[in-house]
Amino acid sequence: MADRKSICIKYGSRVTAGAAELLYYRILADPALSPFFIDVDTDILREHTADVLTVVTGGPNIYKGRNLAEAHADYRITRDDFLAVAAHLQASLTELQIEPADIETILAAVGETADQIINA
């Protein structure tokens, strides 16, 4: 696995804002996940997701949103939902030509948040 601290520097906004943008295009097109985002400001979510990706890829902690457990508390998010989003993130990072070892590192870091997000 790659060093988490070097990923943000290596790819810059491609691995943060770029990945967040592609991720939400994929999620909103997914009939199993898109219902979670009805009446949700996805522009704000893209920004928060880019900030979270900045943190998990070794950049500065610029995330100013609610803690993840609180932000997801009103949704019944299953392990399958979480894994589907992770698969969309992996596809987005692959499309952005992020190296496989770096994708593995990012997904592992995101996986560490599962207990804060899965609540059903």
N, C-alpha and C. Protein backbone atom coordinates (compact mmCIF):
# COMPACT_ATOMS: atom_id res chain seq x y z
N MET A 1 0.83 -1.19 0.00
CA MET A 1 0.00 0.00 0.00
C MET A 1 0.88 1.25 0.00
N ALA A 2 0.39 2.27 -0.64
CA ALA A 2 1.14 3.53 -0.75
C ALA A 2 1.08 4.32 0.56
N ASP A 3 1.99 5.25 0.69
CA ASP A 3 2.01 6.15 1.84
C ASP A 3 0.88 7.16 1.68
N ARG A 4 -0.02 7.18 2.64
CA ARG A 4 -1.20 8.05 2.57
C ARG A 4 -0.82 9.52 2.45
N LYS A 5 0.26 9.92 3.12
CA LYS A 5 0.62 11.33 3.17
C LYS A 5 1.08 11.87 1.82
N SER A 6 1.54 11.02 0.96
CA SER A 6 2.06 11.49 -0.32
C SER A 6 1.00 11.56 -1.42
N ILE A 7 -0.15 10.93 -1.23
CA ILE A 7 -1.15 10.83 -2.30
C ILE A 7 -1.72 12.19 -2.67
N CYS A 8 -2.06 13.00 -1.69
CA CYS A 8 -2.64 14.31 -1.97
C CYS A 8 -1.65 15.19 -2.74
N ILE A 9 -0.40 15.13 -2.37
CA ILE A 9 0.62 15.91 -3.06
C ILE A 9 0.83 15.38 -4.48
N LYS A 10 0.83 14.08 -4.61
CA LYS A 10 1.08 13.43 -5.90
C LYS A 10 0.02 13.77 -6.95
N TYR A 11 -1.26 13.82 -6.53
CA TYR A 11 -2.35 13.99 -7.50
C TYR A 11 -3.07 15.34 -7.38
N GLY A 12 -2.92 16.02 -6.28
CA GLY A 12 -3.59 17.31 -6.11
C GLY A 12 -5.10 17.20 -6.19
N SER A 13 -5.73 18.18 -6.81
CA SER A 13 -7.20 18.25 -6.81
C SER A 13 -7.84 17.12 -7.62
N ARG A 14 -7.08 16.44 -8.45
CA ARG A 14 -7.65 15.31 -9.19
C ARG A 14 -8.16 14.24 -8.24
N VAL A 15 -7.43 13.99 -7.16
CA VAL A 15 -7.81 12.93 -6.22
C VAL A 15 -8.81 13.43 -5.16
N THR A 16 -9.06 14.71 -5.13
CA THR A 16 -10.00 15.26 -4.15
C THR A 16 -11.25 15.77 -4.85
N ALA A 17 -11.20 16.97 -5.38
CA ALA A 17 -12.38 17.55 -6.05
C ALA A 17 -12.78 16.75 -7.29
N GLY A 18 -11.80 16.30 -8.06
CA GLY A 18 -12.11 15.51 -9.26
C GLY A 18 -12.80 14.21 -8.91
N ALA A 19 -12.28 13.52 -7.92
CA ALA A 19 -12.88 12.26 -7.50
C ALA A 19 -14.27 12.47 -6.92
N ALA A 20 -14.45 13.53 -6.14
CA ALA A 20 -15.77 13.82 -5.56
C ALA A 20 -16.79 14.09 -6.66
N GLU A 21 -16.39 14.83 -7.67
CA GLU A 21 -17.29 15.15 -8.78
C GLU A 21 -17.74 13.88 -9.50
N LEU A 22 -16.78 13.05 -9.90
CA LEU A 22 -17.13 11.80 -10.58
C LEU A 22 -17.93 10.87 -9.69
N LEU A 23 -17.57 10.82 -8.42
CA LEU A 23 -18.28 9.96 -7.48
C LEU A 23 -19.76 10.29 -7.43
N TYR A 24 -20.10 11.55 -7.32
CA TYR A 24 -21.52 11.91 -7.23
C TYR A 24 -22.25 11.74 -8.55
N TYR A 25 -21.57 11.88 -9.68
CA TYR A 25 -22.21 11.54 -10.96
C TYR A 25 -22.62 10.07 -10.94
N ARG A 26 -21.73 9.23 -10.46
CA ARG A 26 -21.99 7.78 -10.42
C ARG A 26 -23.08 7.44 -9.40
N ILE A 27 -23.00 8.02 -8.22
CA ILE A 27 -23.98 7.73 -7.17
C ILE A 27 -25.37 8.16 -7.59
N LEU A 28 -25.48 9.36 -8.15
CA LEU A 28 -26.80 9.88 -8.53
C LEU A 28 -27.40 9.11 -9.70
N ALA A 29 -26.57 8.42 -10.47
CA ALA A 29 -27.07 7.59 -11.57
C ALA A 29 -27.39 6.16 -11.11
N ASP A 30 -27.07 5.84 -9.87
CA ASP A 30 -27.29 4.50 -9.33
C ASP A 30 -28.66 4.43 -8.68
N PRO A 31 -29.60 3.65 -9.23
CA PRO A 31 -30.96 3.62 -8.69
C PRO A 31 -31.04 3.13 -7.24
N ALA A 32 -30.05 2.38 -6.80
CA ALA A 32 -30.05 1.91 -5.41
C ALA A 32 -29.59 2.98 -4.44
N LEU A 33 -28.76 3.91 -4.90
CA LEU A 33 -28.20 4.94 -4.02
C LEU A 33 -28.84 6.31 -4.19
N SER A 34 -29.31 6.62 -5.36
CA SER A 34 -29.83 7.97 -5.61
C SER A 34 -30.98 8.38 -4.67
N PRO A 35 -31.82 7.46 -4.19
CA PRO A 35 -32.87 7.89 -3.26
C PRO A 35 -32.36 8.53 -1.96
N PHE A 36 -31.14 8.22 -1.58
CA PHE A 36 -30.57 8.84 -0.38
C PHE A 36 -30.36 10.35 -0.57
N PHE A 37 -30.35 10.80 -1.81
CA PHE A 37 -29.96 12.18 -2.11
C PHE A 37 -31.11 13.05 -2.59
N ILE A 38 -32.33 12.56 -2.43
CA ILE A 38 -33.50 13.37 -2.77
C ILE A 38 -33.56 14.55 -1.79
N ASP A 39 -33.73 15.74 -2.30
CA ASP A 39 -33.78 16.96 -1.49
C ASP A 39 -32.51 17.23 -0.69
N VAL A 40 -31.39 16.77 -1.22
CA VAL A 40 -30.09 17.00 -0.59
C VAL A 40 -29.27 17.87 -1.52
N ASP A 41 -28.58 18.86 -0.98
CA ASP A 41 -27.74 19.74 -1.78
C ASP A 41 -26.43 19.00 -2.10
N THR A 42 -26.39 18.40 -3.29
CA THR A 42 -25.22 17.61 -3.64
C THR A 42 -23.98 18.46 -3.91
N ASP A 43 -24.17 19.75 -4.20
CA ASP A 43 -23.00 20.62 -4.36
C ASP A 43 -22.23 20.72 -3.05
N ILE A 44 -22.96 20.86 -1.95
CA ILE A 44 -22.32 20.90 -0.63
C ILE A 44 -21.68 19.55 -0.32
N LEU A 45 -22.37 18.46 -0.65
CA LEU A 45 -21.81 17.13 -0.40
C LEU A 45 -20.53 16.91 -1.20
N ARG A 46 -20.51 17.36 -2.44
CA ARG A 46 -19.29 17.23 -3.24
C ARG A 46 -18.13 17.96 -2.56
N GLU A 47 -18.42 19.14 -2.06
CA GLU A 47 -17.39 19.92 -1.38
C GLU A 47 -16.90 19.21 -0.12
N HIS A 48 -17.84 18.70 0.67
CA HIS A 48 -17.46 17.98 1.90
C HIS A 48 -16.67 16.72 1.55
N THR A 49 -17.11 16.02 0.51
CA THR A 49 -16.42 14.79 0.12
C THR A 49 -15.01 15.10 -0.36
N ALA A 50 -14.84 16.16 -1.12
CA ALA A 50 -13.50 16.57 -1.54
C ALA A 50 -12.63 16.88 -0.33
N ASP A 51 -13.21 17.53 0.67
CA ASP A 51 -12.46 17.85 1.90
C ASP A 51 -12.07 16.57 2.65
N VAL A 52 -12.99 15.61 2.73
CA VAL A 52 -12.69 14.33 3.40
C VAL A 52 -11.60 13.61 2.63
N LEU A 53 -11.69 13.60 1.31
CA LEU A 53 -10.65 12.96 0.51
C LEU A 53 -9.30 13.66 0.68
N THR A 54 -9.31 14.95 0.88
CA THR A 54 -8.07 15.67 1.16
C THR A 54 -7.43 15.13 2.43
N VAL A 55 -8.25 14.95 3.46
CA VAL A 55 -7.74 14.45 4.74
C VAL A 55 -7.23 13.02 4.61
N VAL A 56 -8.03 12.13 3.99
CA VAL A 56 -7.63 10.72 3.93
C VAL A 56 -6.47 10.47 2.98
N THR A 57 -6.17 11.44 2.11
CA THR A 57 -5.02 11.28 1.22
C THR A 57 -3.79 12.03 1.72
N GLY A 58 -3.84 12.47 2.98
CA GLY A 58 -2.67 13.05 3.60
C GLY A 58 -2.56 14.56 3.51
N GLY A 59 -3.59 15.22 2.99
CA GLY A 59 -3.57 16.67 2.94
C GLY A 59 -3.98 17.28 4.27
N PRO A 60 -4.08 18.58 4.31
CA PRO A 60 -4.46 19.24 5.57
C PRO A 60 -5.91 18.93 5.94
N ASN A 61 -6.20 18.99 7.22
CA ASN A 61 -7.57 18.73 7.68
C ASN A 61 -8.40 19.99 7.48
N ILE A 62 -9.00 20.06 6.30
CA ILE A 62 -9.83 21.22 5.96
C ILE A 62 -11.31 20.92 6.09
N TYR A 63 -11.65 19.69 6.51
CA TYR A 63 -13.06 19.30 6.62
C TYR A 63 -13.72 20.07 7.76
N LYS A 64 -14.81 20.76 7.45
CA LYS A 64 -15.53 21.55 8.46
C LYS A 64 -16.99 21.11 8.60
N GLY A 65 -17.34 19.98 8.01
CA GLY A 65 -18.71 19.47 8.12
C GLY A 65 -18.94 18.79 9.46
N ARG A 66 -20.16 18.28 9.61
CA ARG A 66 -20.50 17.55 10.84
C ARG A 66 -19.69 16.27 10.90
N ASN A 67 -19.59 15.69 12.11
CA ASN A 67 -18.90 14.41 12.17
C ASN A 67 -19.71 13.39 11.37
N LEU A 68 -19.02 12.38 10.88
CA LEU A 68 -19.65 11.46 9.93
C LEU A 68 -20.83 10.71 10.52
N ALA A 69 -20.75 10.31 11.77
CA ALA A 69 -21.87 9.59 12.39
C ALA A 69 -23.11 10.47 12.46
N GLU A 70 -22.93 11.70 12.85
CA GLU A 70 -24.05 12.65 12.93
C GLU A 70 -24.63 12.94 11.55
N ALA A 71 -23.77 13.14 10.57
CA ALA A 71 -24.22 13.48 9.22
C ALA A 71 -25.02 12.35 8.58
N HIS A 72 -24.77 11.12 8.97
CA HIS A 72 -25.45 9.98 8.37
C HIS A 72 -26.52 9.36 9.26
N ALA A 73 -26.74 9.93 10.42
CA ALA A 73 -27.65 9.35 11.41
C ALA A 73 -29.09 9.21 10.93
N ASP A 74 -29.56 10.11 10.09
CA ASP A 74 -30.95 10.09 9.65
C ASP A 74 -31.20 9.14 8.48
N TYR A 75 -30.17 8.45 8.04
CA TYR A 75 -30.29 7.53 6.90
C TYR A 75 -30.07 6.10 7.38
N ARG A 76 -30.75 5.18 6.76
CA ARG A 76 -30.57 3.77 7.09
C ARG A 76 -29.56 3.20 6.09
N ILE A 77 -28.31 3.39 6.40
CA ILE A 77 -27.23 2.99 5.50
C ILE A 77 -26.73 1.61 5.90
N THR A 78 -26.81 0.69 4.96
CA THR A 78 -26.37 -0.68 5.21
C THR A 78 -24.93 -0.85 4.76
N ARG A 79 -24.37 -1.98 5.12
CA ARG A 79 -23.02 -2.31 4.67
C ARG A 79 -22.98 -2.37 3.14
N ASP A 80 -24.05 -2.93 2.53
CA ASP A 80 -24.10 -2.99 1.07
C ASP A 80 -24.12 -1.60 0.45
N ASP A 81 -24.85 -0.66 1.06
CA ASP A 81 -24.85 0.73 0.58
C ASP A 81 -23.44 1.31 0.63
N PHE A 82 -22.78 1.11 1.75
CA PHE A 82 -21.43 1.63 1.94
C PHE A 82 -20.48 1.04 0.89
N LEU A 83 -20.58 -0.27 0.69
CA LEU A 83 -19.71 -0.93 -0.29
C LEU A 83 -20.00 -0.47 -1.71
N ALA A 84 -21.27 -0.17 -2.00
CA ALA A 84 -21.62 0.34 -3.34
C ALA A 84 -20.98 1.70 -3.57
N VAL A 85 -21.01 2.56 -2.56
CA VAL A 85 -20.36 3.87 -2.69
C VAL A 85 -18.85 3.67 -2.85
N ALA A 86 -18.27 2.77 -2.09
CA ALA A 86 -16.84 2.49 -2.22
C ALA A 86 -16.49 2.00 -3.63
N ALA A 87 -17.36 1.18 -4.21
CA ALA A 87 -17.13 0.69 -5.58
C ALA A 87 -17.19 1.85 -6.57
N HIS A 88 -18.13 2.77 -6.36
CA HIS A 88 -18.19 3.96 -7.23
C HIS A 88 -16.95 4.84 -7.05
N LEU A 89 -16.45 4.93 -5.82
CA LEU A 89 -15.23 5.70 -5.58
C LEU A 89 -14.05 5.04 -6.29
N GLN A 90 -13.97 3.74 -6.18
CA GLN A 90 -12.89 3.02 -6.86
C GLN A 90 -12.95 3.25 -8.37
N ALA A 91 -14.13 3.15 -8.95
CA ALA A 91 -14.30 3.38 -10.39
C ALA A 91 -13.92 4.82 -10.76
N SER A 92 -14.30 5.77 -9.92
CA SER A 92 -13.97 7.17 -10.17
C SER A 92 -12.46 7.39 -10.14
N LEU A 93 -11.81 6.83 -9.15
CA LEU A 93 -10.35 6.97 -9.04
C LEU A 93 -9.64 6.29 -10.20
N THR A 94 -10.16 5.15 -10.62
CA THR A 94 -9.58 4.45 -11.78
C THR A 94 -9.73 5.31 -13.03
N GLU A 95 -10.91 5.90 -13.21
CA GLU A 95 -11.14 6.76 -14.37
C GLU A 95 -10.18 7.95 -14.38
N LEU A 96 -9.83 8.43 -13.20
CA LEU A 96 -8.91 9.56 -13.06
C LEU A 96 -7.44 9.14 -13.17
N GLN A 97 -7.22 7.87 -13.44
CA GLN A 97 -5.89 7.29 -13.61
C GLN A 97 -5.01 7.39 -12.36
N ILE A 98 -5.66 7.21 -11.22
CA ILE A 98 -4.91 7.10 -9.97
C ILE A 98 -4.29 5.70 -9.94
N GLU A 99 -3.07 5.60 -9.51
CA GLU A 99 -2.39 4.30 -9.51
C GLU A 99 -3.09 3.31 -8.58
N PRO A 100 -3.12 2.03 -8.96
CA PRO A 100 -3.83 1.02 -8.17
C PRO A 100 -3.42 0.95 -6.69
N ALA A 101 -2.14 1.08 -6.41
CA ALA A 101 -1.69 1.04 -5.00
C ALA A 101 -2.25 2.23 -4.22
N ASP A 102 -2.34 3.37 -4.87
CA ASP A 102 -2.89 4.56 -4.22
C ASP A 102 -4.40 4.42 -4.02
N ILE A 103 -5.08 3.82 -5.00
CA ILE A 103 -6.51 3.55 -4.84
C ILE A 103 -6.74 2.63 -3.66
N GLU A 104 -5.93 1.61 -3.53
CA GLU A 104 -6.04 0.67 -2.40
C GLU A 104 -5.88 1.41 -1.07
N THR A 105 -4.93 2.32 -1.01
CA THR A 105 -4.69 3.10 0.21
C THR A 105 -5.89 3.99 0.52
N ILE A 106 -6.41 4.65 -0.50
CA ILE A 106 -7.57 5.54 -0.30
C ILE A 106 -8.78 4.74 0.17
N LEU A 107 -9.04 3.61 -0.48
CA LEU A 107 -10.19 2.79 -0.09
C LEU A 107 -10.04 2.24 1.33
N ALA A 108 -8.83 1.90 1.71
CA ALA A 108 -8.59 1.44 3.08
C ALA A 108 -8.89 2.56 4.08
N ALA A 109 -8.46 3.77 3.75
CA ALA A 109 -8.72 4.92 4.64
C ALA A 109 -10.21 5.20 4.74
N VAL A 110 -10.90 5.15 3.59
CA VAL A 110 -12.34 5.37 3.59
C VAL A 110 -13.03 4.24 4.37
N GLY A 111 -12.53 3.04 4.22
CA GLY A 111 -13.10 1.89 4.94
C GLY A 111 -13.04 2.06 6.45
N GLU A 112 -12.08 2.83 6.92
CA GLU A 112 -11.96 3.09 8.36
C GLU A 112 -13.13 3.92 8.89
N THR A 113 -13.89 4.53 8.00
CA THR A 113 -15.04 5.35 8.42
C THR A 113 -16.35 4.55 8.47
N ALA A 114 -16.30 3.30 8.07
CA ALA A 114 -17.53 2.50 7.95
C ALA A 114 -18.36 2.49 9.23
N ASP A 115 -17.74 2.33 10.37
CA ASP A 115 -18.48 2.27 11.63
C ASP A 115 -19.22 3.58 11.94
N GLN A 116 -18.76 4.68 11.38
CA GLN A 116 -19.40 5.97 11.60
C GLN A 116 -20.56 6.19 10.64
N ILE A 117 -20.61 5.44 9.55
CA ILE A 117 -21.58 5.68 8.49
C ILE A 117 -22.68 4.61 8.45
N ILE A 118 -22.27 3.35 8.58
CA ILE A 118 -23.24 2.25 8.53
C ILE A 118 -24.06 2.27 9.80
N ASN A 119 -25.39 2.32 9.65
CA ASN A 119 -26.24 2.41 10.84
C ASN A 119 -27.51 1.60 10.70
N ALA A 120 -27.57 0.68 9.75
CA ALA A 120 -28.75 -0.17 9.59
C ALA A 120 -28.32 -1.61 9.38
